[in-house]
Amino acid sequence: MNLGSSFLERLGNQATNGFGAASRGNPGGGGASAATDEPRYRTWGEVYGISVKDGAQANFVGDQRQTTGGVAGFGARVAPGVNVGFSVDQSRTAIDVPLALQSATLDLTQFGFNASVDKGPWTWAIALVHGFGKVSSSRDTGFGTASAGYNARIDGALTELSYYWNMDQSRIVPKAALEYTHASTGAFQEVGGLNPEMATGATLERSRILLGAEIGHYWIVDQKILDLSAYGKFVDNVSQNFSSIIVSLGPESIAVQGIGESQYGADAGASASLSLTNTARLYINYDGKFRAAMQSHQGTVGVELKW
């Protein structure tokens, strides 16, 4: 679910990033009307890494996750102030639960669509994600390894509204967003080891509100634009629904309830962007998520080309 949320929010940020949104309405940096600019297309590629650590809660011993992945995307300005984009995200997550002698990998493919509409200082954006993956797990039983494989799926939607407040070469961009994600995993049957287990599938739903702002400033150095920005968001998980999972060992079964995030939390991050020309840009981002018993840190490097 968090991988889907991260992809959604990155797609939303591409549409409402303060400097990027301002550039769309200022062709070539010359102050011309956006209506005078020819339709422009862009491609981008990203590689990223995510490190997550969950704290122990009650009978849950906690875990650690490391994710690496890449994104490729294509976008177009289809009319003045109207932009659309499509992207594909491929990632692999290694999950380790050392105190329970368990580990797993998640290979996840996500397809994303985003669109934005600019109207003066206002930008409205939407992002949609559909993903599917494969989970492979292993558990040391003391008398061999019990392993299993099962499918996973993620669907999500995000809508975000932002306002660009300009102060010479600085900006403040307040933002408000609504996000919904739905994730599911299939049932599985372990094979091998001592006393292999089976478990039913699970479904998860989450709705959240995100309120925050981006601040930024840019410099023009040797005909290149260096832009630095940072953001902070308050997160309210308005609704979280986690189905229980029935775990069976022979004739015995127990019900295990999923654990969600704390209701309230914060997201924070920073970005550096270097526009080499009007058509080429390099960027690096940091995104952090902070909850009562979970922290996630993500680093992204990317390149964007326009024509």
C-alpha atoms as a PDB file:
ATOM      1  CA  MET A   1       0.000   0.000   0.000  1.00  0.00           C
ATOM      2  CA  ASN A   2       2.791   2.428   0.843  1.00  0.00           C
ATOM      3  CA  LEU A   3       4.522   1.717  -2.481  1.00  0.00           C
ATOM      4  CA  GLY A   4       1.288   2.649  -4.254  1.00  0.00           C
ATOM      5  CA  SER A   5       0.922   5.815  -2.164  1.00  0.00           C
ATOM      6  CA  SER A   6       4.521   6.844  -2.897  1.00  0.00           C
ATOM      7  CA  PHE A   7       3.959   6.454  -6.644  1.00  0.00           C
ATOM      8  CA  LEU A   8       0.702   8.423  -6.458  1.00  0.00           C
ATOM      9  CA  GLU A   9       2.318  11.285  -4.574  1.00  0.00           C
ATOM     10  CA  ARG A  10       5.308  11.429  -6.940  1.00  0.00           C
ATOM     11  CA  LEU A  11       2.886  11.696  -9.881  1.00  0.00           C
ATOM     12  CA  GLY A  12       0.980  14.443  -8.071  1.00  0.00           C
ATOM     13  CA  ASN A  13       4.197  16.306  -7.287  1.00  0.00           C
ATOM     14  CA  GLN A  14       5.194  16.273 -10.961  1.00  0.00           C
ATOM     15  CA  ALA A  15       1.999  18.171 -11.736  1.00  0.00           C
ATOM     16  CA  THR A  16       2.008  20.646  -8.821  1.00  0.00           C
ATOM     17  CA  ASN A  17       5.734  21.186  -8.192  1.00  0.00           C
ATOM     18  CA  GLY A  18       5.978  24.961  -7.832  1.00  0.00           C
ATOM     19  CA  PHE A  19       8.857  25.621 -10.232  1.00  0.00           C
ATOM     20  CA  GLY A  20       7.589  23.133 -12.810  1.00  0.00           C
ATOM     21  CA  ALA A  21       4.075  24.566 -12.737  1.00  0.00           C
ATOM     22  CA  ALA A  22       5.409  28.104 -13.114  1.00  0.00           C
ATOM     23  CA  SER A  23       7.564  27.088 -16.102  1.00  0.00           C
ATOM     24  CA  ARG A  24       4.507  25.713 -17.901  1.00  0.00           C
ATOM     25  CA  GLY A  25       2.953  29.180 -17.863  1.00  0.00           C
ATOM     26  CA  ASN A  26       6.176  31.001 -18.815  1.00  0.00           C
ATOM     27  CA  PRO A  27       7.463  29.552 -22.122  1.00  0.00           C
ATOM     28  CA  GLY A  28      11.203  29.820 -22.400  1.00  0.00           C
ATOM     29  CA  GLY A  29      11.338  32.009 -19.335  1.00  0.00           C
ATOM     30  CA  GLY A  30      10.432  35.029 -21.465  1.00  0.00           C
ATOM     31  CA  GLY A  31       7.071  35.869 -19.928  1.00  0.00           C
ATOM     32  CA  ALA A  32       5.130  34.971 -23.081  1.00  0.00           C
ATOM     33  CA  SER A  33       1.611  33.623 -22.897  1.00  0.00           C
ATOM     34  CA  ALA A  34       1.394  29.852 -22.702  1.00  0.00           C
ATOM     35  CA  ALA A  35      -1.033  30.027 -25.634  1.00  0.00           C
ATOM     36  CA  THR A  36       1.851  31.093 -27.918  1.00  0.00           C
ATOM     37  CA  ASP A  37       3.940  28.013 -27.199  1.00  0.00           C
ATOM     38  CA  GLU A  38       3.778  24.975 -29.419  1.00  0.00           C
ATOM     39  CA  PRO A  39       2.588  21.658 -27.860  1.00  0.00           C
ATOM     40  CA  ARG A  40       5.517  20.247 -25.946  1.00  0.00           C
ATOM     41  CA  TYR A  41       6.261  16.647 -25.096  1.00  0.00           C
ATOM     42  CA  ARG A  42       8.493  15.304 -22.371  1.00  0.00           C
ATOM     43  CA  THR A  43       9.963  12.046 -21.170  1.00  0.00           C
ATOM     44  CA  TRP A  44      11.488  11.286 -17.795  1.00  0.00           C
ATOM     45  CA  GLY A  45      13.339   8.475 -16.117  1.00  0.00           C
ATOM     46  CA  GLU A  46      13.975   7.916 -12.426  1.00  0.00           C
ATOM     47  CA  VAL A  47      15.790   5.459 -10.201  1.00  0.00           C
ATOM     48  CA  TYR A  48      15.001   5.352  -6.507  1.00  0.00           C
ATOM     49  CA  GLY A  49      15.678   3.572  -3.258  1.00  0.00           C
ATOM     50  CA  ILE A  50      13.440   3.308  -0.186  1.00  0.00           C
ATOM     51  CA  SER A  51      14.369   2.192   3.315  1.00  0.00           C
ATOM     52  CA  VAL A  52      11.562   1.399   5.770  1.00  0.00           C
ATOM     53  CA  LYS A  53      11.645   0.216   9.359  1.00  0.00           C
ATOM     54  CA  ASP A  54       8.523  -0.744  11.328  1.00  0.00           C
ATOM     55  CA  GLY A  55       8.660  -0.764  15.109  1.00  0.00           C
ATOM     56  CA  ALA A  56       7.355  -3.648  17.200  1.00  0.00           C
ATOM     57  CA  GLN A  57       3.716  -3.472  18.316  1.00  0.00           C
ATOM     58  CA  ALA A  58       2.167  -5.958  20.749  1.00  0.00           C
ATOM     59  CA  ASN A  59       2.729  -9.416  19.179  1.00  0.00           C
ATOM     60  CA  PHE A  60       4.141  -7.940  15.970  1.00  0.00           C
ATOM     61  CA  VAL A  61       7.952  -8.105  16.107  1.00  0.00           C
ATOM     62  CA  GLY A  62       8.586  -5.427  13.485  1.00  0.00           C
ATOM     63  CA  ASP A  63      10.363  -5.659  10.146  1.00  0.00           C
ATOM     64  CA  GLN A  64      12.780  -3.938   7.793  1.00  0.00           C
ATOM     65  CA  ARG A  65      12.251  -3.337   4.074  1.00  0.00           C
ATOM     66  CA  GLN A  66      14.578  -2.163   1.305  1.00  0.00           C
ATOM     67  CA  THR A  67      13.139  -1.196  -2.080  1.00  0.00           C
ATOM     68  CA  THR A  68      14.927  -0.363  -5.328  1.00  0.00           C
ATOM     69  CA  GLY A  69      13.133   0.577  -8.510  1.00  0.00           C
ATOM     70  CA  GLY A  70      12.887   2.670 -11.626  1.00  0.00           C
ATOM     71  CA  VAL A  71      10.268   4.773 -13.391  1.00  0.00           C
ATOM     72  CA  ALA A  72       9.898   5.720 -17.056  1.00  0.00           C
ATOM     73  CA  GLY A  73       7.271   8.175 -18.225  1.00  0.00           C
ATOM     74  CA  PHE A  74       5.922  10.217 -21.123  1.00  0.00           C
ATOM     75  CA  GLY A  75       3.926  13.433 -20.911  1.00  0.00           C
ATOM     76  CA  ALA A  76       2.364  16.014 -23.198  1.00  0.00           C
ATOM     77  CA  ARG A  77       0.785  19.445 -23.048  1.00  0.00           C
ATOM     78  CA  VAL A  78      -2.408  18.817 -25.016  1.00  0.00           C
ATOM     79  CA  ALA A  79      -3.702  22.410 -24.723  1.00  0.00           C
ATOM     80  CA  PRO A  80      -2.591  25.605 -22.957  1.00  0.00           C
ATOM     81  CA  GLY A  81      -2.693  24.821 -19.256  1.00  0.00           C
ATOM     82  CA  VAL A  82      -3.675  21.153 -19.746  1.00  0.00           C
ATOM     83  CA  ASN A  83      -1.061  18.415 -19.251  1.00  0.00           C
ATOM     84  CA  VAL A  84      -1.234  14.616 -19.197  1.00  0.00           C
ATOM     85  CA  GLY A  85       1.315  11.912 -18.461  1.00  0.00           C
ATOM     86  CA  PHE A  86       1.750   8.142 -18.351  1.00  0.00           C
ATOM     87  CA  SER A  87       4.399   6.209 -16.418  1.00  0.00           C
ATOM     88  CA  VAL A  88       5.522   2.716 -15.502  1.00  0.00           C
ATOM     89  CA  ASP A  89       7.162   1.847 -12.183  1.00  0.00           C
ATOM     90  CA  GLN A  90       9.062  -1.407 -11.598  1.00  0.00           C
ATOM     91  CA  SER A  91      10.412  -2.243  -8.152  1.00  0.00           C
ATOM     92  CA  ARG A  92      11.688  -5.045  -5.959  1.00  0.00           C
ATOM     93  CA  THR A  93      11.286  -5.011  -2.182  1.00  0.00           C
ATOM     94  CA  ALA A  94      13.276  -7.233   0.181  1.00  0.00           C
ATOM     95  CA  ILE A  95      11.474  -7.764   3.517  1.00  0.00           C
ATOM     96  CA  ASP A  96      13.275  -9.114   6.562  1.00  0.00           C
ATOM     97  CA  VAL A  97      11.679 -10.157   9.879  1.00  0.00           C
ATOM     98  CA  PRO A  98      14.800 -11.370  11.700  1.00  0.00           C
ATOM     99  CA  LEU A  99      13.168 -12.070  15.073  1.00  0.00           C
ATOM    100  CA  ALA A 100      10.662 -14.392  13.382  1.00  0.00           C
ATOM    101  CA  LEU A 101      13.258 -16.015  11.061  1.00  0.00           C
ATOM    102  CA  GLN A 102      11.212 -14.925   8.034  1.00  0.00           C
ATOM    103  CA  SER A 103      11.927 -13.050   4.809  1.00  0.00           C
ATOM    104  CA  ALA A 104      10.158 -12.247   1.565  1.00  0.00           C
ATOM    105  CA  THR A 105      10.491 -10.414  -1.744  1.00  0.00           C
ATOM    106  CA  LEU A 106       7.856  -8.363  -3.560  1.00  0.00           C
ATOM    107  CA  ASP A 107       8.208  -7.700  -7.293  1.00  0.00           C
ATOM    108  CA  LEU A 108       5.737  -4.946  -8.191  1.00  0.00           C
ATOM    109  CA  THR A 109       4.789  -3.349 -11.514  1.00  0.00           C
ATOM    110  CA  GLN A 110       2.695  -0.163 -11.434  1.00  0.00           C
ATOM    111  CA  PHE A 111       1.089   1.835 -14.233  1.00  0.00           C
ATOM    112  CA  GLY A 112       0.298   5.470 -13.548  1.00  0.00           C
ATOM    113  CA  PHE A 113      -1.685   8.259 -15.224  1.00  0.00           C
ATOM    114  CA  ASN A 114      -1.600  11.901 -14.175  1.00  0.00           C
ATOM    115  CA  ALA A 115      -3.184  15.072 -15.487  1.00  0.00           C
ATOM    116  CA  SER A 116      -3.158  18.714 -14.440  1.00  0.00           C
ATOM    117  CA  VAL A 117      -5.014  21.908 -15.286  1.00  0.00           C
ATOM    118  CA  ASP A 118      -3.426  25.328 -14.699  1.00  0.00           C
ATOM    119  CA  LYS A 119      -5.643  28.386 -14.200  1.00  0.00           C
ATOM    120  CA  GLY A 120      -3.641  31.423 -13.209  1.00  0.00           C
ATOM    121  CA  PRO A 121      -1.876  30.627  -9.903  1.00  0.00           C
ATOM    122  CA  TRP A 122      -4.107  27.576  -9.332  1.00  0.00           C
ATOM    123  CA  THR A 123      -3.230  24.022 -10.375  1.00  0.00           C
ATOM    124  CA  TRP A 124      -5.546  21.041 -10.051  1.00  0.00           C
ATOM    125  CA  ALA A 125      -4.041  17.589 -10.563  1.00  0.00           C
ATOM    126  CA  ILE A 126      -5.183  13.978 -10.483  1.00  0.00           C
ATOM    127  CA  ALA A 127      -3.182  10.744 -10.432  1.00  0.00           C
ATOM    128  CA  LEU A 128      -4.313   7.129 -10.895  1.00  0.00           C
ATOM    129  CA  VAL A 129      -2.284   3.975 -10.228  1.00  0.00           C
ATOM    130  CA  HIS A 130      -2.862   0.294 -10.951  1.00  0.00           C
ATOM    131  CA  GLY A 131      -0.261  -2.254  -9.918  1.00  0.00           C
ATOM    132  CA  PHE A 132       0.233  -5.996  -9.650  1.00  0.00           C
ATOM    133  CA  GLY A 133       2.999  -8.074  -8.161  1.00  0.00           C
ATOM    134  CA  LYS A 134       4.293 -11.382  -6.898  1.00  0.00           C
ATOM    135  CA  VAL A 135       5.317 -12.159  -3.318  1.00  0.00           C
ATOM    136  CA  SER A 136       7.742 -14.965  -2.471  1.00  0.00           C
ATOM    137  CA  SER A 137       8.195 -15.800   1.212  1.00  0.00           C
ATOM    138  CA  SER A 138      10.384 -18.156   3.222  1.00  0.00           C
ATOM    139  CA  ARG A 139      10.333 -19.177   6.891  1.00  0.00           C
ATOM    140  CA  ASP A 140      12.952 -21.105   8.820  1.00  0.00           C
ATOM    141  CA  THR A 141      11.100 -23.826  10.731  1.00  0.00           C
ATOM    142  CA  GLY A 142      14.197 -25.311  12.358  1.00  0.00           C
ATOM    143  CA  PHE A 143      13.718 -28.439  10.222  1.00  0.00           C
ATOM    144  CA  GLY A 144      13.947 -26.884   6.780  1.00  0.00           C
ATOM    145  CA  THR A 145      12.511 -23.852   5.024  1.00  0.00           C
ATOM    146  CA  ALA A 146       8.798 -23.390   4.379  1.00  0.00           C
ATOM    147  CA  SER A 147       8.203 -21.264   1.271  1.00  0.00           C
ATOM    148  CA  ALA A 148       5.168 -19.796  -0.483  1.00  0.00           C
ATOM    149  CA  GLY A 149       4.252 -17.604  -3.438  1.00  0.00           C
ATOM    150  CA  TYR A 150       1.172 -15.466  -3.939  1.00  0.00           C
ATOM    151  CA  ASN A 151      -0.084 -12.443  -5.873  1.00  0.00           C
ATOM    152  CA  ALA A 152      -0.576  -8.813  -4.814  1.00  0.00           C
ATOM    153  CA  ARG A 153      -2.505  -5.891  -6.290  1.00  0.00           C
ATOM    154  CA  ILE A 154      -2.711  -2.138  -5.662  1.00  0.00           C
ATOM    155  CA  ASP A 155      -5.114   0.508  -6.999  1.00  0.00           C
ATOM    156  CA  GLY A 156      -5.140   4.143  -5.985  1.00  0.00           C
ATOM    157  CA  ALA A 157      -6.296   7.650  -6.821  1.00  0.00           C
ATOM    158  CA  LEU A 158      -5.177  11.087  -5.715  1.00  0.00           C
ATOM    159  CA  THR A 159      -6.509  14.593  -6.352  1.00  0.00           C
ATOM    160  CA  GLU A 160      -4.528  17.676  -5.360  1.00  0.00           C
ATOM    161  CA  LEU A 161      -5.143  21.429  -5.479  1.00  0.00           C
ATOM    162  CA  SER A 162      -2.314  23.950  -5.158  1.00  0.00           C
ATOM    163  CA  TYR A 163      -1.854  27.723  -5.284  1.00  0.00           C
ATOM    164  CA  TYR A 164       1.363  29.365  -6.528  1.00  0.00           C
ATOM    165  CA  TRP A 165       2.347  32.435  -4.477  1.00  0.00           C
ATOM    166  CA  ASN A 166       5.270  34.179  -6.181  1.00  0.00           C
ATOM    167  CA  MET A 167       7.823  36.493  -4.512  1.00  0.00           C
ATOM    168  CA  ASP A 168      10.482  37.448  -7.078  1.00  0.00           C
ATOM    169  CA  GLN A 169      12.574  34.257  -7.397  1.00  0.00           C
ATOM    170  CA  SER A 170      11.008  32.630  -4.333  1.00  0.00           C
ATOM    171  CA  ARG A 171       7.664  30.894  -3.920  1.00  0.00           C
ATOM    172  CA  ILE A 172       5.274  29.397  -1.431  1.00  0.00           C
ATOM    173  CA  VAL A 173       2.846  26.778  -2.757  1.00  0.00           C
ATOM    174  CA  PRO A 174       0.114  25.634  -0.335  1.00  0.00           C
ATOM    175  CA  LYS A 175      -1.357  22.237  -1.266  1.00  0.00           C
ATOM    176  CA  ALA A 176      -4.312  20.095  -0.240  1.00  0.00           C
ATOM    177  CA  ALA A 177      -4.865  16.518  -1.400  1.00  0.00           C
ATOM    178  CA  LEU A 178      -7.189  13.541  -0.994  1.00  0.00           C
ATOM    179  CA  GLU A 179      -5.866  10.017  -1.518  1.00  0.00           C
ATOM    180  CA  TYR A 180      -7.505   6.594  -1.664  1.00  0.00           C
ATOM    181  CA  THR A 181      -5.695   3.263  -2.007  1.00  0.00           C
ATOM    182  CA  HIS A 182      -6.920  -0.337  -2.092  1.00  0.00           C
ATOM    183  CA  ALA A 183      -4.494  -3.249  -1.832  1.00  0.00           C
ATOM    184  CA  SER A 184      -5.001  -7.002  -1.780  1.00  0.00           C
ATOM    185  CA  THR A 185      -2.924 -10.166  -1.488  1.00  0.00           C
ATOM    186  CA  GLY A 186      -3.880 -13.695  -2.455  1.00  0.00           C
ATOM    187  CA  ALA A 187      -4.155 -16.803  -0.301  1.00  0.00           C
ATOM    188  CA  PHE A 188      -1.117 -19.055   0.008  1.00  0.00           C
ATOM    189  CA  GLN A 189       0.007 -22.520   1.061  1.00  0.00           C
ATOM    190  CA  GLU A 190       3.549 -23.045   2.316  1.00  0.00           C
ATOM    191  CA  VAL A 191       5.598 -25.936   0.967  1.00  0.00           C
ATOM    192  CA  GLY A 192       8.441 -27.694   2.783  1.00  0.00           C
ATOM    193  CA  GLY A 193       9.831 -27.392   6.294  1.00  0.00           C
ATOM    194  CA  LEU A 194       8.155 -28.465   9.505  1.00  0.00           C
ATOM    195  CA  ASN A 195       4.405 -27.844   9.794  1.00  0.00           C
ATOM    196  CA  PRO A 196       3.793 -25.727   6.645  1.00  0.00           C
ATOM    197  CA  GLU A 197       1.001 -23.189   7.083  1.00  0.00           C
ATOM    198  CA  MET A 198      -1.718 -21.812   4.866  1.00  0.00           C
ATOM    199  CA  ALA A 199      -3.430 -18.421   5.016  1.00  0.00           C
ATOM    200  CA  THR A 200      -6.363 -16.667   3.412  1.00  0.00           C
ATOM    201  CA  GLY A 201      -6.016 -13.548   1.270  1.00  0.00           C
ATOM    202  CA  ALA A 202      -6.187 -10.034   2.666  1.00  0.00           C
ATOM    203  CA  THR A 203      -7.626  -6.686   1.564  1.00  0.00           C
ATOM    204  CA  LEU A 204      -6.635  -3.225   2.770  1.00  0.00           C
ATOM    205  CA  GLU A 205      -8.272   0.169   2.188  1.00  0.00           C
ATOM    206  CA  ARG A 206      -7.046   3.601   3.236  1.00  0.00           C
ATOM    207  CA  SER A 207      -8.362   7.141   2.746  1.00  0.00           C
ATOM    208  CA  ARG A 208      -6.270  10.116   3.795  1.00  0.00           C
ATOM    209  CA  ILE A 209      -6.078  13.896   3.727  1.00  0.00           C
ATOM    210  CA  LEU A 210      -2.775  15.677   3.135  1.00  0.00           C
ATOM    211  CA  LEU A 211      -2.354  19.386   3.916  1.00  0.00           C
ATOM    212  CA  GLY A 212       0.917  21.243   3.536  1.00  0.00           C
ATOM    213  CA  ALA A 213       3.066  23.605   1.526  1.00  0.00           C
ATOM    214  CA  GLU A 214       6.170  23.750  -0.640  1.00  0.00           C
ATOM    215  CA  ILE A 215       8.721  26.551  -0.401  1.00  0.00           C
ATOM    216  CA  GLY A 216      11.375  27.164  -3.010  1.00  0.00           C
ATOM    217  CA  HIS A 217      13.866  29.536  -4.577  1.00  0.00           C
ATOM    218  CA  TYR A 218      15.731  29.503  -7.883  1.00  0.00           C
ATOM    219  CA  TRP A 219      18.973  31.030  -9.137  1.00  0.00           C
ATOM    220  CA  ILE A 220      20.145  31.643 -12.703  1.00  0.00           C
ATOM    221  CA  VAL A 221      23.800  30.671 -13.005  1.00  0.00           C
ATOM    222  CA  ASP A 222      25.606  30.683 -16.350  1.00  0.00           C
ATOM    223  CA  GLN A 223      22.295  30.430 -18.243  1.00  0.00           C
ATOM    224  CA  LYS A 224      21.282  27.441 -16.129  1.00  0.00           C
ATOM    225  CA  ILE A 225      18.505  27.416 -13.521  1.00  0.00           C
ATOM    226  CA  LEU A 226      19.194  25.890 -10.114  1.00  0.00           C
ATOM    227  CA  ASP A 227      16.045  25.384  -8.065  1.00  0.00           C
ATOM    228  CA  LEU A 228      15.922  24.265  -4.429  1.00  0.00           C
ATOM    229  CA  SER A 229      12.701  23.433  -2.621  1.00  0.00           C
ATOM    230  CA  ALA A 230      11.349  21.745   0.487  1.00  0.00           C
ATOM    231  CA  TYR A 231       7.894  20.662   1.596  1.00  0.00           C
ATOM    232  CA  GLY A 232       6.009  19.532   4.650  1.00  0.00           C
ATOM    233  CA  LYS A 233       2.598  17.859   4.891  1.00  0.00           C
ATOM    234  CA  PHE A 234       0.258  16.962   7.717  1.00  0.00           C
ATOM    235  CA  VAL A 235      -1.301  13.529   7.118  1.00  0.00           C
ATOM    236  CA  ASP A 236      -4.654  12.381   8.494  1.00  0.00           C
ATOM    237  CA  ASN A 237      -5.503   8.735   7.786  1.00  0.00           C
ATOM    238  CA  VAL A 238      -9.246   9.313   7.935  1.00  0.00           C
ATOM    239  CA  SER A 239     -10.165   5.687   7.309  1.00  0.00           C
ATOM    240  CA  GLN A 240      -8.153   2.450   7.428  1.00  0.00           C
ATOM    241  CA  ASN A 241      -9.792  -0.946   6.940  1.00  0.00           C
ATOM    242  CA  PHE A 242      -7.712  -4.118   7.207  1.00  0.00           C
ATOM    243  CA  SER A 243      -9.321  -7.516   6.820  1.00  0.00           C
ATOM    244  CA  SER A 244      -8.366 -10.274   9.213  1.00  0.00           C
ATOM    245  CA  ILE A 245      -6.321 -13.224   7.917  1.00  0.00           C
ATOM    246  CA  ILE A 246      -7.080 -16.837   8.854  1.00  0.00           C
ATOM    247  CA  VAL A 247      -3.813 -18.751   9.389  1.00  0.00           C
ATOM    248  CA  SER A 248      -4.188 -22.526   9.521  1.00  0.00           C
ATOM    249  CA  LEU A 249      -1.818 -25.241  10.724  1.00  0.00           C
ATOM    250  CA  GLY A 250      -3.397 -28.668  10.307  1.00  0.00           C
ATOM    251  CA  PRO A 251      -6.819 -28.614  12.011  1.00  0.00           C
ATOM    252  CA  GLU A 252      -6.051 -25.484  14.034  1.00  0.00           C
ATOM    253  CA  SER A 253      -6.693 -21.909  12.867  1.00  0.00           C
ATOM    254  CA  ILE A 254      -6.251 -18.415  14.273  1.00  0.00           C
ATOM    255  CA  ALA A 255      -7.386 -14.998  13.031  1.00  0.00           C
ATOM    256  CA  VAL A 256      -4.680 -12.341  12.657  1.00  0.00           C
ATOM    257  CA  GLN A 257      -5.706  -8.686  12.346  1.00  0.00           C
ATOM    258  CA  GLY A 258      -3.690  -6.329  10.158  1.00  0.00           C
ATOM    259  CA  ILE A 259      -1.893  -3.328  11.674  1.00  0.00           C
ATOM    260  CA  GLY A 260      -2.327   0.110  10.147  1.00  0.00           C
ATOM    261  CA  GLU A 261      -0.468   3.380  10.435  1.00  0.00           C
ATOM    262  CA  SER A 262      -1.117   5.844  13.220  1.00  0.00           C
ATOM    263  CA  GLN A 263      -4.002   8.147  12.260  1.00  0.00           C
ATOM    264  CA  TYR A 264      -1.837  11.255  12.242  1.00  0.00           C
ATOM    265  CA  GLY A 265       1.621  11.737  10.809  1.00  0.00           C
ATOM    266  CA  ALA A 266       3.808  13.966   8.693  1.00  0.00           C
ATOM    267  CA  ASP A 267       5.528  13.851   5.312  1.00  0.00           C
ATOM    268  CA  ALA A 268       8.567  16.005   4.550  1.00  0.00           C
ATOM    269  CA  GLY A 269      11.084  16.257   1.761  1.00  0.00           C
ATOM    270  CA  ALA A 270      13.421  18.355  -0.327  1.00  0.00           C
ATOM    271  CA  SER A 271      14.362  18.640  -3.988  1.00  0.00           C
ATOM    272  CA  ALA A 272      17.164  20.086  -6.105  1.00  0.00           C
ATOM    273  CA  SER A 273      16.644  20.675  -9.822  1.00  0.00           C
ATOM    274  CA  LEU A 274      19.142  21.844 -12.437  1.00  0.00           C
ATOM    275  CA  SER A 275      17.697  22.978 -15.768  1.00  0.00           C
ATOM    276  CA  LEU A 276      20.580  22.645 -18.221  1.00  0.00           C
ATOM    277  CA  THR A 277      18.538  24.025 -21.137  1.00  0.00           C
ATOM    278  CA  ASN A 278      14.898  24.695 -21.911  1.00  0.00           C
ATOM    279  CA  THR A 279      14.577  21.013 -22.798  1.00  0.00           C
ATOM    280  CA  ALA A 280      16.811  19.130 -20.333  1.00  0.00           C
ATOM    281  CA  ARG A 281      16.635  18.915 -16.546  1.00  0.00           C
ATOM    282  CA  LEU A 282      18.348  16.869 -13.837  1.00  0.00           C
ATOM    283  CA  TYR A 283      16.837  16.477 -10.369  1.00  0.00           C
ATOM    284  CA  ILE A 284      17.270  14.729  -7.031  1.00  0.00           C
ATOM    285  CA  ASN A 285      14.591  14.302  -4.370  1.00  0.00           C
ATOM    286  CA  TYR A 286      14.281  13.152  -0.779  1.00  0.00           C
ATOM    287  CA  ASP A 287      10.898  12.085   0.638  1.00  0.00           C
ATOM    288  CA  GLY A 288      10.348  11.064   4.246  1.00  0.00           C
ATOM    289  CA  LYS A 289       7.270   9.668   5.983  1.00  0.00           C
ATOM    290  CA  PHE A 290       6.996   9.844   9.759  1.00  0.00           C
ATOM    291  CA  ARG A 291       4.362   7.916  11.715  1.00  0.00           C
ATOM    292  CA  ALA A 292       4.043   6.793  15.332  1.00  0.00           C
ATOM    293  CA  ALA A 293       5.675   3.370  14.717  1.00  0.00           C
ATOM    294  CA  MET A 294       6.968   3.656  11.159  1.00  0.00           C
ATOM    295  CA  GLN A 295       9.513   5.722   9.276  1.00  0.00           C
ATOM    296  CA  SER A 296      10.178   5.620   5.532  1.00  0.00           C
ATOM    297  CA  HIS A 297      13.023   7.389   3.690  1.00  0.00           C
ATOM    298  CA  GLN A 298      13.125   7.584  -0.098  1.00  0.00           C
ATOM    299  CA  GLY A 299      15.790   9.010  -2.406  1.00  0.00           C
ATOM    300  CA  THR A 300      15.163   9.649  -6.103  1.00  0.00           C
ATOM    301  CA  VAL A 301      17.395  10.813  -8.955  1.00  0.00           C
ATOM    302  CA  GLY A 302      15.939  11.571 -12.364  1.00  0.00           C
ATOM    303  CA  VAL A 303      16.347  13.200 -15.765  1.00  0.00           C
ATOM    304  CA  GLU A 304      13.661  14.932 -17.847  1.00  0.00           C
ATOM    305  CA  LEU A 305      13.840  15.713 -21.559  1.00  0.00           C
ATOM    306  CA  LYS A 306      11.383  17.862 -23.551  1.00  0.00           C
ATOM    307  CA  TRP A 307      10.837  18.440 -27.231  1.00  0.00           C
END
